[in-house]
Amino acid sequence: MPMYRYVCKSCGHEKVELHSINDNPDISCDVCGSKMERAIGRVGIVFKGSGFYITDSRKSSSTSSTDSSSK
């Protein structure tokens, strides 16, 4: 089950709840008692594999230029 982050509309208190993606619970604030709404969480991104760095897209033209200059 995924964890969802909720933020209070009036006081800004944050809370994390664990429930099914199909559930639509009414979450109330522990501090002031008003309704909380689901917020988009902070997601870490990890780039794996080739093609994500500037050095991955360089052409090897430097080796061909050194070969022609040495002749």
N, C-alpha and C. Protein backbone atom coordinates (compact mmCIF):
# COMPACT_ATOMS: atom_id res chain seq x y z
N MET A 1 0.84 -1.19 0.00
CA MET A 1 0.00 0.00 0.00
C MET A 1 0.88 1.24 0.00
N PRO A 2 0.49 2.24 -0.78
CA PRO A 2 1.29 3.47 -0.84
C PRO A 2 1.03 4.40 0.35
N MET A 3 2.02 5.23 0.60
CA MET A 3 1.91 6.24 1.65
C MET A 3 1.59 7.57 1.00
N TYR A 4 0.67 8.30 1.58
CA TYR A 4 0.25 9.59 1.05
C TYR A 4 0.51 10.69 2.08
N ARG A 5 0.92 11.86 1.58
CA ARG A 5 1.18 13.00 2.44
C ARG A 5 -0.01 13.94 2.37
N TYR A 6 -0.51 14.34 3.53
CA TYR A 6 -1.64 15.25 3.63
C TYR A 6 -1.20 16.53 4.32
N VAL A 7 -1.76 17.67 3.84
CA VAL A 7 -1.45 18.98 4.41
C VAL A 7 -2.76 19.65 4.79
N CYS A 8 -2.78 20.25 5.98
CA CYS A 8 -3.96 20.94 6.48
C CYS A 8 -4.13 22.26 5.73
N LYS A 9 -5.36 22.56 5.34
CA LYS A 9 -5.65 23.79 4.60
C LYS A 9 -5.48 25.04 5.47
N SER A 10 -5.81 24.94 6.75
CA SER A 10 -5.81 26.13 7.59
C SER A 10 -4.51 26.35 8.36
N CYS A 11 -3.94 25.30 8.97
CA CYS A 11 -2.76 25.53 9.81
C CYS A 11 -1.45 25.06 9.17
N GLY A 12 -1.51 24.27 8.09
CA GLY A 12 -0.30 23.84 7.41
C GLY A 12 0.36 22.60 7.99
N HIS A 13 -0.29 21.96 8.97
CA HIS A 13 0.25 20.75 9.58
C HIS A 13 0.30 19.62 8.54
N GLU A 14 1.39 18.84 8.55
CA GLU A 14 1.54 17.74 7.60
C GLU A 14 1.44 16.41 8.31
N LYS A 15 0.93 15.40 7.57
CA LYS A 15 0.72 14.08 8.13
C LYS A 15 0.83 13.06 7.00
N VAL A 16 1.38 11.89 7.30
CA VAL A 16 1.53 10.82 6.31
C VAL A 16 0.59 9.68 6.69
N GLU A 17 -0.20 9.24 5.71
CA GLU A 17 -1.16 8.15 5.92
C GLU A 17 -0.89 7.02 4.95
N LEU A 18 -1.15 5.82 5.39
CA LEU A 18 -0.98 4.62 4.59
C LEU A 18 -2.36 4.06 4.28
N HIS A 19 -2.74 4.05 2.99
CA HIS A 19 -4.02 3.47 2.60
C HIS A 19 -3.97 3.06 1.14
N SER A 20 -4.96 2.32 0.71
CA SER A 20 -5.04 1.80 -0.65
C SER A 20 -5.25 2.94 -1.64
N ILE A 21 -4.84 2.71 -2.88
CA ILE A 21 -5.00 3.73 -3.92
C ILE A 21 -6.48 3.96 -4.24
N ASN A 22 -7.32 2.97 -4.00
CA ASN A 22 -8.75 3.07 -4.28
C ASN A 22 -9.53 3.75 -3.17
N ASP A 23 -8.93 3.87 -1.98
CA ASP A 23 -9.60 4.54 -0.86
C ASP A 23 -9.57 6.05 -1.07
N ASN A 24 -10.60 6.70 -0.58
CA ASN A 24 -10.68 8.15 -0.60
C ASN A 24 -11.09 8.62 0.80
N PRO A 25 -10.17 8.53 1.76
CA PRO A 25 -10.54 8.82 3.15
C PRO A 25 -10.66 10.32 3.42
N ASP A 26 -11.48 10.67 4.41
CA ASP A 26 -11.57 12.05 4.88
C ASP A 26 -10.61 12.16 6.06
N ILE A 27 -9.48 12.79 5.84
CA ILE A 27 -8.45 12.94 6.86
C ILE A 27 -8.62 14.29 7.52
N SER A 28 -8.68 14.29 8.85
CA SER A 28 -8.79 15.55 9.57
C SER A 28 -7.48 15.83 10.31
N CYS A 29 -7.21 17.11 10.52
CA CYS A 29 -5.98 17.57 11.15
C CYS A 29 -5.99 17.23 12.64
N ASP A 30 -4.84 16.77 13.13
CA ASP A 30 -4.71 16.46 14.55
C ASP A 30 -4.59 17.72 15.39
N VAL A 31 -4.14 18.81 14.80
CA VAL A 31 -3.90 20.05 15.53
C VAL A 31 -5.17 20.90 15.63
N CYS A 32 -5.79 21.21 14.47
CA CYS A 32 -6.94 22.13 14.49
C CYS A 32 -8.27 21.45 14.14
N GLY A 33 -8.24 20.24 13.60
CA GLY A 33 -9.47 19.51 13.32
C GLY A 33 -10.09 19.77 11.95
N SER A 34 -9.50 20.63 11.14
CA SER A 34 -10.08 20.90 9.82
C SER A 34 -9.65 19.82 8.82
N LYS A 35 -10.25 19.87 7.64
CA LYS A 35 -9.99 18.85 6.62
C LYS A 35 -8.61 19.03 5.99
N MET A 36 -7.94 17.91 5.76
CA MET A 36 -6.62 17.92 5.12
C MET A 36 -6.77 17.45 3.69
N GLU A 37 -5.90 17.94 2.80
CA GLU A 37 -5.95 17.49 1.42
C GLU A 37 -4.61 16.85 1.05
N ARG A 38 -4.71 15.91 0.11
CA ARG A 38 -3.53 15.17 -0.32
C ARG A 38 -2.59 16.09 -1.09
N ALA A 39 -1.31 15.99 -0.78
CA ALA A 39 -0.29 16.81 -1.44
C ALA A 39 0.65 15.91 -2.23
N ILE A 40 1.25 16.47 -3.24
CA ILE A 40 2.22 15.73 -4.03
C ILE A 40 3.50 15.62 -3.22
N GLY A 41 4.00 14.41 -3.10
CA GLY A 41 5.20 14.18 -2.30
C GLY A 41 6.46 14.51 -3.05
N ARG A 42 7.53 14.57 -2.29
CA ARG A 42 8.85 14.82 -2.88
C ARG A 42 9.40 13.50 -3.37
N VAL A 43 9.79 13.48 -4.63
CA VAL A 43 10.26 12.24 -5.25
C VAL A 43 11.71 12.40 -5.67
N GLY A 44 12.53 11.44 -5.30
CA GLY A 44 13.92 11.44 -5.74
C GLY A 44 14.05 10.74 -7.07
N ILE A 45 14.84 11.31 -7.97
CA ILE A 45 15.01 10.73 -9.29
C ILE A 45 16.44 10.25 -9.44
N VAL A 46 16.60 9.04 -9.92
CA VAL A 46 17.93 8.47 -10.16
C VAL A 46 18.01 8.08 -11.62
N PHE A 47 18.99 8.63 -12.33
CA PHE A 47 19.20 8.31 -13.73
C PHE A 47 20.23 7.19 -13.82
N LYS A 48 19.83 6.07 -14.39
CA LYS A 48 20.74 4.94 -14.54
C LYS A 48 20.88 4.62 -16.02
N GLY A 49 22.03 4.10 -16.38
CA GLY A 49 22.26 3.71 -17.76
C GLY A 49 22.99 4.78 -18.54
N SER A 50 23.18 4.54 -19.81
CA SER A 50 23.90 5.50 -20.64
C SER A 50 22.94 6.50 -21.27
N GLY A 51 23.49 7.64 -21.68
CA GLY A 51 22.69 8.65 -22.36
C GLY A 51 22.23 9.79 -21.49
N PHE A 52 22.57 9.81 -20.20
CA PHE A 52 22.09 10.87 -19.31
C PHE A 52 23.14 11.93 -19.03
N TYR A 53 24.37 11.69 -19.43
CA TYR A 53 25.44 12.64 -19.15
C TYR A 53 25.96 13.22 -20.45
N ILE A 54 26.56 14.39 -20.40
CA ILE A 54 27.06 15.05 -21.60
C ILE A 54 28.19 14.24 -22.23
N THR A 55 28.93 13.51 -21.44
CA THR A 55 30.04 12.72 -21.99
C THR A 55 29.54 11.49 -22.73
N ASP A 56 28.30 11.08 -22.51
CA ASP A 56 27.76 9.92 -23.20
C ASP A 56 27.42 10.22 -24.65
N SER A 57 27.16 11.48 -24.98
CA SER A 57 26.72 11.81 -26.34
C SER A 57 27.84 12.35 -27.21
N ARG A 58 29.04 12.46 -26.66
CA ARG A 58 30.16 12.96 -27.47
C ARG A 58 30.59 11.93 -28.50
N LYS A 59 31.00 12.44 -29.63
CA LYS A 59 31.54 11.57 -30.67
C LYS A 59 33.04 11.45 -30.46
N SER A 60 33.60 10.38 -30.89
CA SER A 60 35.03 10.17 -30.70
C SER A 60 35.83 10.78 -31.85
N SER A 61 35.58 12.05 -32.17
CA SER A 61 36.26 12.74 -33.26
C SER A 61 37.69 13.13 -32.86
N SER A 62 37.98 13.19 -31.58
CA SER A 62 39.32 13.58 -31.13
C SER A 62 40.35 12.50 -31.49
N THR A 63 39.97 11.25 -31.53
CA THR A 63 40.91 10.18 -31.89
C THR A 63 41.22 10.21 -33.38
N SER A 64 40.25 10.58 -34.22
CA SER A 64 40.51 10.63 -35.66
C SER A 64 41.38 11.82 -36.02
N SER A 65 41.27 12.95 -35.31
CA SER A 65 42.08 14.12 -35.61
C SER A 65 43.53 13.90 -35.20
N THR A 66 43.77 13.16 -34.13
CA THR A 66 45.15 12.89 -33.72
C THR A 66 45.82 11.91 -34.64
N ASP A 67 45.04 11.00 -35.22
CA ASP A 67 45.60 10.03 -36.15
C ASP A 67 46.06 10.73 -37.44
N SER A 68 45.31 11.70 -37.93
CA SER A 68 45.64 12.36 -39.18
C SER A 68 46.82 13.32 -38.99
N SER A 69 46.95 13.92 -37.79
CA SER A 69 48.02 14.87 -37.56
C SER A 69 49.37 14.17 -37.34
N SER A 70 49.34 12.90 -36.91
CA SER A 70 50.58 12.20 -36.65
C SER A 70 51.22 11.66 -37.91
N LYS A 71 50.49 11.63 -39.03
CA LYS A 71 51.01 11.08 -40.30
C LYS A 71 51.82 12.06 -41.06
